[in-house]
Amino acid sequence: MIDTNTLNDLTEKLSRLLPADLGILKKDLEKNIRAVLHSTFQKLDLVTREEFDVQSELLIRTREKLEALEKQLTRLEQARRKSK
């Protein structure tokens, strides 16, 4: 999920594109922009960079363990064949 700071930054950038003479409407538009962005990001099911990095590291460690287990299995199979 996208963090509040990112959402606020995007809202601010978009609101700067609006004409300054909108006055009170500008605040309402900012609220609506924030709500639309928030809703859209929730539907996209995004993850933060930190969550992505954690999962990437977990995947790397899991792959390393799998490779080690495959090597161990190969050695055991070879040892079993030799003992027959």
PDB file of N, CA and C in Angstrom:
ATOM      1  N   MET A   1       0.842  -1.180   0.000  1.00  0.00           N
ATOM      2  CA  MET A   1       0.000   0.000   0.000  1.00  0.00           C
ATOM      3  C   MET A   1       0.885   1.241   0.000  1.00  0.00           C
ATOM      4  N   ILE A   2       0.474   2.234  -0.727  1.00  0.00           N
ATOM      5  CA  ILE A   2       1.232   3.474  -0.832  1.00  0.00           C
ATOM      6  C   ILE A   2       1.133   4.251   0.478  1.00  0.00           C
ATOM      7  N   ASP A   3       2.214   4.893   0.889  1.00  0.00           N
ATOM      8  CA  ASP A   3       2.188   5.617   2.154  1.00  0.00           C
ATOM      9  C   ASP A   3       1.544   6.991   2.004  1.00  0.00           C
ATOM     10  N   THR A   4       1.164   7.557   3.135  1.00  0.00           N
ATOM     11  CA  THR A   4       0.459   8.837   3.171  1.00  0.00           C
ATOM     12  C   THR A   4       1.289   9.964   2.602  1.00  0.00           C
ATOM     13  N   ASN A   5       2.596   9.956   2.851  1.00  0.00           N
ATOM     14  CA  ASN A   5       3.454  11.021   2.337  1.00  0.00           C
ATOM     15  C   ASN A   5       3.468  11.047   0.810  1.00  0.00           C
ATOM     16  N   THR A   6       3.533   9.899   0.207  1.00  0.00           N
ATOM     17  CA  THR A   6       3.520   9.823  -1.255  1.00  0.00           C
ATOM     18  C   THR A   6       2.190  10.316  -1.792  1.00  0.00           C
ATOM     19  N   LEU A   7       1.117   9.903  -1.143  1.00  0.00           N
ATOM     20  CA  LEU A   7      -0.217  10.344  -1.546  1.00  0.00           C
ATOM     21  C   LEU A   7      -0.346  11.860  -1.431  1.00  0.00           C
ATOM     22  N   ASN A   8       0.159  12.412  -0.335  1.00  0.00           N
ATOM     23  CA  ASN A   8       0.116  13.872  -0.143  1.00  0.00           C
ATOM     24  C   ASN A   8       0.966  14.593  -1.180  1.00  0.00           C
ATOM     25  N   ASP A   9       2.130  14.044  -1.491  1.00  0.00           N
ATOM     26  CA  ASP A   9       3.002  14.656  -2.500  1.00  0.00           C
ATOM     27  C   ASP A   9       2.327  14.692  -3.866  1.00  0.00           C
ATOM     28  N   LEU A  10       1.715  13.580  -4.247  1.00  0.00           N
ATOM     29  CA  LEU A  10       1.020  13.535  -5.532  1.00  0.00           C
ATOM     30  C   LEU A  10      -0.146  14.526  -5.574  1.00  0.00           C
ATOM     31  N   THR A  11      -0.889  14.584  -4.482  1.00  0.00           N
ATOM     32  CA  THR A  11      -2.016  15.515  -4.400  1.00  0.00           C
ATOM     33  C   THR A  11      -1.528  16.951  -4.525  1.00  0.00           C
ATOM     34  N   GLU A  12      -0.449  17.264  -3.834  1.00  0.00           N
ATOM     35  CA  GLU A  12       0.105  18.618  -3.886  1.00  0.00           C
ATOM     36  C   GLU A  12       0.567  18.975  -5.296  1.00  0.00           C
ATOM     37  N   LYS A  13       1.247  18.051  -5.939  1.00  0.00           N
ATOM     38  CA  LYS A  13       1.727  18.304  -7.302  1.00  0.00           C
ATOM     39  C   LYS A  13       0.563  18.529  -8.265  1.00  0.00           C
ATOM     40  N   LEU A  14      -0.469  17.715  -8.140  1.00  0.00           N
ATOM     41  CA  LEU A  14      -1.631  17.882  -9.009  1.00  0.00           C
ATOM     42  C   LEU A  14      -2.379  19.180  -8.714  1.00  0.00           C
ATOM     43  N   SER A  15      -2.465  19.551  -7.442  1.00  0.00           N
ATOM     44  CA  SER A  15      -3.186  20.776  -7.091  1.00  0.00           C
ATOM     45  C   SER A  15      -2.435  22.023  -7.558  1.00  0.00           C
ATOM     46  N   ARG A  16      -1.108  21.919  -7.685  1.00  0.00           N
ATOM     47  CA  ARG A  16      -0.330  23.045  -8.214  1.00  0.00           C
ATOM     48  C   ARG A  16      -0.642  23.307  -9.682  1.00  0.00           C
ATOM     49  N   LEU A  17      -1.147  22.288 -10.349  1.00  0.00           N
ATOM     50  CA  LEU A  17      -1.516  22.444 -11.750  1.00  0.00           C
ATOM     51  C   LEU A  17      -2.840  23.200 -11.917  1.00  0.00           C
ATOM     52  N   LEU A  18      -3.606  23.276 -10.833  1.00  0.00           N
ATOM     53  CA  LEU A  18      -4.890  23.979 -10.892  1.00  0.00           C
ATOM     54  C   LEU A  18      -4.676  25.487 -10.833  1.00  0.00           C
ATOM     55  N   PRO A  19      -5.530  26.240 -11.496  1.00  0.00           N
ATOM     56  CA  PRO A  19      -5.410  27.704 -11.431  1.00  0.00           C
ATOM     57  C   PRO A  19      -5.560  28.212 -10.003  1.00  0.00           C
ATOM     58  N   ALA A  20      -4.753  29.191  -9.634  1.00  0.00           N
ATOM     59  CA  ALA A  20      -4.760  29.734  -8.274  1.00  0.00           C
ATOM     60  C   ALA A  20      -6.054  30.452  -7.935  1.00  0.00           C
ATOM     61  N   ASP A  21      -6.763  30.953  -8.928  1.00  0.00           N
ATOM     62  CA  ASP A  21      -7.964  31.735  -8.651  1.00  0.00           C
ATOM     63  C   ASP A  21      -9.200  30.875  -8.375  1.00  0.00           C
ATOM     64  N   LEU A  22      -9.019  29.582  -8.198  1.00  0.00           N
ATOM     65  CA  LEU A  22     -10.153  28.720  -7.875  1.00  0.00           C
ATOM     66  C   LEU A  22     -10.599  28.860  -6.423  1.00  0.00           C
ATOM     67  N   GLY A  23      -9.743  29.396  -5.582  1.00  0.00           N
ATOM     68  CA  GLY A  23     -10.092  29.686  -4.186  1.00  0.00           C
ATOM     69  C   GLY A  23     -10.580  28.473  -3.429  1.00  0.00           C
ATOM     70  N   ILE A  24     -11.811  28.573  -2.908  1.00  0.00           N
ATOM     71  CA  ILE A  24     -12.395  27.522  -2.068  1.00  0.00           C
ATOM     72  C   ILE A  24     -12.531  26.216  -2.844  1.00  0.00           C
ATOM     73  N   LEU A  25     -12.835  26.304  -4.111  1.00  0.00           N
ATOM     74  CA  LEU A  25     -12.967  25.095  -4.921  1.00  0.00           C
ATOM     75  C   LEU A  25     -11.677  24.292  -4.954  1.00  0.00           C
ATOM     76  N   LYS A  26     -10.563  24.990  -4.856  1.00  0.00           N
ATOM     77  CA  LYS A  26      -9.271  24.307  -4.914  1.00  0.00           C
ATOM     78  C   LYS A  26      -9.121  23.318  -3.760  1.00  0.00           C
ATOM     79  N   LYS A  27      -9.544  23.708  -2.561  1.00  0.00           N
ATOM     80  CA  LYS A  27      -9.461  22.812  -1.400  1.00  0.00           C
ATOM     81  C   LYS A  27     -10.339  21.589  -1.604  1.00  0.00           C
ATOM     82  N   ASP A  28     -11.555  21.795  -2.133  1.00  0.00           N
ATOM     83  CA  ASP A  28     -12.437  20.670  -2.408  1.00  0.00           C
ATOM     84  C   ASP A  28     -11.837  19.755  -3.466  1.00  0.00           C
ATOM     85  N   LEU A  29     -11.253  20.347  -4.487  1.00  0.00           N
ATOM     86  CA  LEU A  29     -10.615  19.550  -5.539  1.00  0.00           C
ATOM     87  C   LEU A  29      -9.443  18.744  -4.981  1.00  0.00           C
ATOM     88  N   GLU A  30      -8.672  19.359  -4.085  1.00  0.00           N
ATOM     89  CA  GLU A  30      -7.552  18.635  -3.465  1.00  0.00           C
ATOM     90  C   GLU A  30      -8.055  17.425  -2.686  1.00  0.00           C
ATOM     91  N   LYS A  31      -9.152  17.596  -1.940  1.00  0.00           N
ATOM     92  CA  LYS A  31      -9.725  16.476  -1.187  1.00  0.00           C
ATOM     93  C   LYS A  31     -10.195  15.376  -2.139  1.00  0.00           C
ATOM     94  N   ASN A  32     -10.832  15.803  -3.220  1.00  0.00           N
ATOM     95  CA  ASN A  32     -11.312  14.822  -4.195  1.00  0.00           C
ATOM     96  C   ASN A  32     -10.153  14.106  -4.891  1.00  0.00           C
ATOM     97  N   ILE A  33      -9.125  14.848  -5.227  1.00  0.00           N
ATOM     98  CA  ILE A  33      -7.939  14.248  -5.856  1.00  0.00           C
ATOM     99  C   ILE A  33      -7.323  13.218  -4.922  1.00  0.00           C
ATOM    100  N   ARG A  34      -7.183  13.590  -3.648  1.00  0.00           N
ATOM    101  CA  ARG A  34      -6.607  12.680  -2.660  1.00  0.00           C
ATOM    102  C   ARG A  34      -7.456  11.410  -2.549  1.00  0.00           C
ATOM    103  N   ALA A  35      -8.769  11.569  -2.508  1.00  0.00           N
ATOM    104  CA  ALA A  35      -9.662  10.413  -2.387  1.00  0.00           C
ATOM    105  C   ALA A  35      -9.562   9.507  -3.615  1.00  0.00           C
ATOM    106  N   VAL A  36      -9.521  10.119  -4.798  1.00  0.00           N
ATOM    107  CA  VAL A  36      -9.423   9.326  -6.032  1.00  0.00           C
ATOM    108  C   VAL A  36      -8.088   8.588  -6.088  1.00  0.00           C
ATOM    109  N   LEU A  37      -7.006   9.275  -5.754  1.00  0.00           N
ATOM    110  CA  LEU A  37      -5.687   8.624  -5.760  1.00  0.00           C
ATOM    111  C   LEU A  37      -5.647   7.466  -4.766  1.00  0.00           C
ATOM    112  N   HIS A  38      -6.158   7.708  -3.579  1.00  0.00           N
ATOM    113  CA  HIS A  38      -6.162   6.684  -2.538  1.00  0.00           C
ATOM    114  C   HIS A  38      -6.951   5.461  -3.002  1.00  0.00           C
ATOM    115  N   SER A  39      -8.121   5.694  -3.541  1.00  0.00           N
ATOM    116  CA  SER A  39      -8.968   4.603  -4.030  1.00  0.00           C
ATOM    117  C   SER A  39      -8.286   3.837  -5.171  1.00  0.00           C
ATOM    118  N   THR A  40      -7.692   4.569  -6.086  1.00  0.00           N
ATOM    119  CA  THR A  40      -7.022   3.944  -7.224  1.00  0.00           C
ATOM    120  C   THR A  40      -5.842   3.096  -6.771  1.00  0.00           C
ATOM    121  N   PHE A  41      -5.039   3.632  -5.868  1.00  0.00           N
ATOM    122  CA  PHE A  41      -3.879   2.882  -5.390  1.00  0.00           C
ATOM    123  C   PHE A  41      -4.301   1.638  -4.620  1.00  0.00           C
ATOM    124  N   GLN A  42      -5.408   1.710  -3.889  1.00  0.00           N
ATOM    125  CA  GLN A  42      -5.887   0.520  -3.179  1.00  0.00           C
ATOM    126  C   GLN A  42      -6.308  -0.557  -4.166  1.00  0.00           C
ATOM    127  N   LYS A  43      -6.948  -0.163  -5.240  1.00  0.00           N
ATOM    128  CA  LYS A  43      -7.384  -1.128  -6.247  1.00  0.00           C
ATOM    129  C   LYS A  43      -6.191  -1.776  -6.940  1.00  0.00           C
ATOM    130  N   LEU A  44      -5.110  -1.027  -7.092  1.00  0.00           N
ATOM    131  CA  LEU A  44      -3.920  -1.560  -7.751  1.00  0.00           C
ATOM    132  C   LEU A  44      -3.162  -2.550  -6.880  1.00  0.00           C
ATOM    133  N   ASP A  45      -3.464  -2.558  -5.570  1.00  0.00           N
ATOM    134  CA  ASP A  45      -2.816  -3.475  -4.637  1.00  0.00           C
ATOM    135  C   ASP A  45      -1.295  -3.332  -4.691  1.00  0.00           C
ATOM    136  N   LEU A  46      -0.825  -2.107  -4.569  1.00  0.00           N
ATOM    137  CA  LEU A  46       0.599  -1.811  -4.620  1.00  0.00           C
ATOM    138  C   LEU A  46       1.277  -2.156  -3.303  1.00  0.00           C
ATOM    139  N   VAL A  47       2.574  -2.389  -3.367  1.00  0.00           N
ATOM    140  CA  VAL A  47       3.367  -2.598  -2.163  1.00  0.00           C
ATOM    141  C   VAL A  47       4.435  -1.514  -2.100  1.00  0.00           C
ATOM    142  N   THR A  48       4.897  -1.259  -0.913  1.00  0.00           N
ATOM    143  CA  THR A  48       5.958  -0.262  -0.756  1.00  0.00           C
ATOM    144  C   THR A  48       7.278  -0.851  -1.236  1.00  0.00           C
ATOM    145  N   ARG A  49       8.230   0.011  -1.481  1.00  0.00           N
ATOM    146  CA  ARG A  49       9.565  -0.442  -1.901  1.00  0.00           C
ATOM    147  C   ARG A  49      10.180  -1.319  -0.820  1.00  0.00           C
ATOM    148  N   GLU A  50       9.954  -0.952   0.441  1.00  0.00           N
ATOM    149  CA  GLU A  50      10.500  -1.722   1.560  1.00  0.00           C
ATOM    150  C   GLU A  50       9.930  -3.144   1.564  1.00  0.00           C
ATOM    151  N   GLU A  51       8.614  -3.269   1.363  1.00  0.00           N
ATOM    152  CA  GLU A  51       8.001  -4.593   1.313  1.00  0.00           C
ATOM    153  C   GLU A  51       8.555  -5.405   0.141  1.00  0.00           C
ATOM    154  N   PHE A  52       8.731  -4.754  -0.990  1.00  0.00           N
ATOM    155  CA  PHE A  52       9.276  -5.420  -2.168  1.00  0.00           C
ATOM    156  C   PHE A  52      10.691  -5.920  -1.895  1.00  0.00           C
ATOM    157  N   ASP A  53      11.518  -5.067  -1.285  1.00  0.00           N
ATOM    158  CA  ASP A  53      12.900  -5.441  -0.984  1.00  0.00           C
ATOM    159  C   ASP A  53      12.968  -6.616  -0.008  1.00  0.00           C
ATOM    160  N   VAL A  54      12.095  -6.600   0.994  1.00  0.00           N
ATOM    161  CA  VAL A  54      12.063  -7.699   1.966  1.00  0.00           C
ATOM    162  C   VAL A  54      11.713  -9.005   1.263  1.00  0.00           C
ATOM    163  N   GLN A  55      10.705  -8.977   0.403  1.00  0.00           N
ATOM    164  CA  GLN A  55      10.299 -10.184  -0.312  1.00  0.00           C
ATOM    165  C   GLN A  55      11.387 -10.646  -1.289  1.00  0.00           C
ATOM    166  N   SER A  56      12.089  -9.708  -1.900  1.00  0.00           N
ATOM    167  CA  SER A  56      13.182 -10.068  -2.804  1.00  0.00           C
ATOM    168  C   SER A  56      14.300 -10.789  -2.052  1.00  0.00           C
ATOM    169  N   GLU A  57      14.656 -10.285  -0.885  1.00  0.00           N
ATOM    170  CA  GLU A  57      15.686 -10.926  -0.061  1.00  0.00           C
ATOM    171  C   GLU A  57      15.234 -12.311   0.381  1.00  0.00           C
ATOM    172  N   LEU A  58      13.979 -12.426   0.748  1.00  0.00           N
ATOM    173  CA  LEU A  58      13.443 -13.717   1.162  1.00  0.00           C
ATOM    174  C   LEU A  58      13.499 -14.707   0.007  1.00  0.00           C
ATOM    175  N   LEU A  59      13.174 -14.245  -1.175  1.00  0.00           N
ATOM    176  CA  LEU A  59      13.233 -15.107  -2.359  1.00  0.00           C
ATOM    177  C   LEU A  59      14.665 -15.555  -2.646  1.00  0.00           C
ATOM    178  N   ILE A  60      15.614 -14.652  -2.512  1.00  0.00           N
ATOM    179  CA  ILE A  60      17.029 -15.003  -2.736  1.00  0.00           C
ATOM    180  C   ILE A  60      17.477 -16.079  -1.749  1.00  0.00           C
ATOM    181  N   ARG A  61      17.149 -15.894  -0.460  1.00  0.00           N
ATOM    182  CA  ARG A  61      17.536 -16.889   0.553  1.00  0.00           C
ATOM    183  C   ARG A  61      16.855 -18.236   0.304  1.00  0.00           C
ATOM    184  N   THR A  62      15.588 -18.187  -0.102  1.00  0.00           N
ATOM    185  CA  THR A  62      14.864 -19.421  -0.386  1.00  0.00           C
ATOM    186  C   THR A  62      15.484 -20.151  -1.570  1.00  0.00           C
ATOM    187  N   ARG A  63      15.857 -19.396  -2.602  1.00  0.00           N
ATOM    188  CA  ARG A  63      16.501 -19.998  -3.777  1.00  0.00           C
ATOM    189  C   ARG A  63      17.830 -20.644  -3.390  1.00  0.00           C
ATOM    190  N   GLU A  64      18.617 -19.956  -2.533  1.00  0.00           N
ATOM    191  CA  GLU A  64      19.897 -20.512  -2.095  1.00  0.00           C
ATOM    192  C   GLU A  64      19.695 -21.812  -1.322  1.00  0.00           C
ATOM    193  N   LYS A  65      18.682 -21.843  -0.446  1.00  0.00           N
ATOM    194  CA  LYS A  65      18.393 -23.065   0.310  1.00  0.00           C
ATOM    195  C   LYS A  65      17.959 -24.194  -0.622  1.00  0.00           C
ATOM    196  N   LEU A  66      17.137 -23.865  -1.617  1.00  0.00           N
ATOM    197  CA  LEU A  66      16.685 -24.866  -2.569  1.00  0.00           C
ATOM    198  C   LEU A  66      17.864 -25.452  -3.339  1.00  0.00           C
ATOM    199  N   GLU A  67      18.765 -24.588  -3.790  1.00  0.00           N
ATOM    200  CA  GLU A  67      19.938 -25.067  -4.520  1.00  0.00           C
ATOM    201  C   GLU A  67      20.805 -25.965  -3.646  1.00  0.00           C
ATOM    202  N   ALA A  68      20.952 -25.604  -2.384  1.00  0.00           N
ATOM    203  CA  ALA A  68      21.742 -26.427  -1.461  1.00  0.00           C
ATOM    204  C   ALA A  68      21.079 -27.782  -1.251  1.00  0.00           C
ATOM    205  N   LEU A  69      19.760 -27.785  -1.117  1.00  0.00           N
ATOM    206  CA  LEU A  69      19.043 -29.046  -0.944  1.00  0.00           C
ATOM    207  C   LEU A  69      19.119 -29.913  -2.201  1.00  0.00           C
ATOM    208  N   GLU A  70      19.064 -29.286  -3.373  1.00  0.00           N
ATOM    209  CA  GLU A  70      19.197 -30.049  -4.623  1.00  0.00           C
ATOM    210  C   GLU A  70      20.573 -30.707  -4.712  1.00  0.00           C
ATOM    211  N   LYS A  71      21.615 -29.981  -4.324  1.00  0.00           N
ATOM    212  CA  LYS A  71      22.969 -30.545  -4.338  1.00  0.00           C
ATOM    213  C   LYS A  71      23.079 -31.702  -3.349  1.00  0.00           C
ATOM    214  N   GLN A  72      22.490 -31.495  -2.172  1.00  0.00           N
ATOM    215  CA  GLN A  72      22.534 -32.558  -1.154  1.00  0.00           C
ATOM    216  C   GLN A  72      21.788 -33.792  -1.651  1.00  0.00           C
ATOM    217  N   LEU A  73      20.641 -33.596  -2.279  1.00  0.00           N
ATOM    218  CA  LEU A  73      19.872 -34.715  -2.819  1.00  0.00           C
ATOM    219  C   LEU A  73      20.661 -35.450  -3.903  1.00  0.00           C
ATOM    220  N   THR A  74      21.339 -34.701  -4.759  1.00  0.00           N
ATOM    221  CA  THR A  74      22.156 -35.316  -5.811  1.00  0.00           C
ATOM    222  C   THR A  74      23.261 -36.158  -5.197  1.00  0.00           C
ATOM    223  N   ARG A  75      23.929 -35.633  -4.167  1.00  0.00           N
ATOM    224  CA  ARG A  75      24.995 -36.397  -3.498  1.00  0.00           C
ATOM    225  C   ARG A  75      24.438 -37.676  -2.858  1.00  0.00           C
ATOM    226  N   LEU A  76      23.290 -37.576  -2.215  1.00  0.00           N
ATOM    227  CA  LEU A  76      22.684 -38.746  -1.580  1.00  0.00           C
ATOM    228  C   LEU A  76      22.286 -39.792  -2.615  1.00  0.00           C
ATOM    229  N   GLU A  77      21.737 -39.325  -3.749  1.00  0.00           N
ATOM    230  CA  GLU A  77      21.364 -40.267  -4.812  1.00  0.00           C
ATOM    231  C   GLU A  77      22.593 -40.964  -5.379  1.00  0.00           C
ATOM    232  N   GLN A  78      23.678 -40.217  -5.562  1.00  0.00           N
ATOM    233  CA  GLN A  78      24.918 -40.810  -6.077  1.00  0.00           C
ATOM    234  C   GLN A  78      25.489 -41.810  -5.080  1.00  0.00           C
ATOM    235  N   ALA A  79      25.455 -41.470  -3.815  1.00  0.00           N
ATOM    236  CA  ALA A  79      25.964 -42.373  -2.773  1.00  0.00           C
ATOM    237  C   ALA A  79      25.109 -43.640  -2.716  1.00  0.00           C
ATOM    238  N   ARG A  80      23.824 -43.495  -2.905  1.00  0.00           N
ATOM    239  CA  ARG A  80      22.916 -44.649  -2.885  1.00  0.00           C
ATOM    240  C   ARG A  80      23.196 -45.583  -4.065  1.00  0.00           C
ATOM    241  N   ARG A  81      23.437 -44.982  -5.236  1.00  0.00           N
ATOM    242  CA  ARG A  81      23.747 -45.783  -6.434  1.00  0.00           C
ATOM    243  C   ARG A  81      25.060 -46.555  -6.262  1.00  0.00           C
ATOM    244  N   LYS A  82      26.038 -45.907  -5.642  1.00  0.00           N
ATOM    245  CA  LYS A  82      27.339 -46.545  -5.441  1.00  0.00           C
ATOM    246  C   LYS A  82      27.244 -47.714  -4.455  1.00  0.00           C
ATOM    247  N   SER A  83      26.367 -47.573  -3.475  1.00  0.00           N
ATOM    248  CA  SER A  83      26.256 -48.623  -2.446  1.00  0.00           C
ATOM    249  C   SER A  83      25.466 -49.838  -2.935  1.00  0.00           C
ATOM    250  N   LYS A  84      24.820 -49.748  -4.063  1.00  0.00           N
ATOM    251  CA  LYS A  84      24.033 -50.894  -4.578  1.00  0.00           C
ATOM    252  C   LYS A  84      24.882 -51.906  -5.253  1.00  0.00           C
TER     253      LYS A  84
END
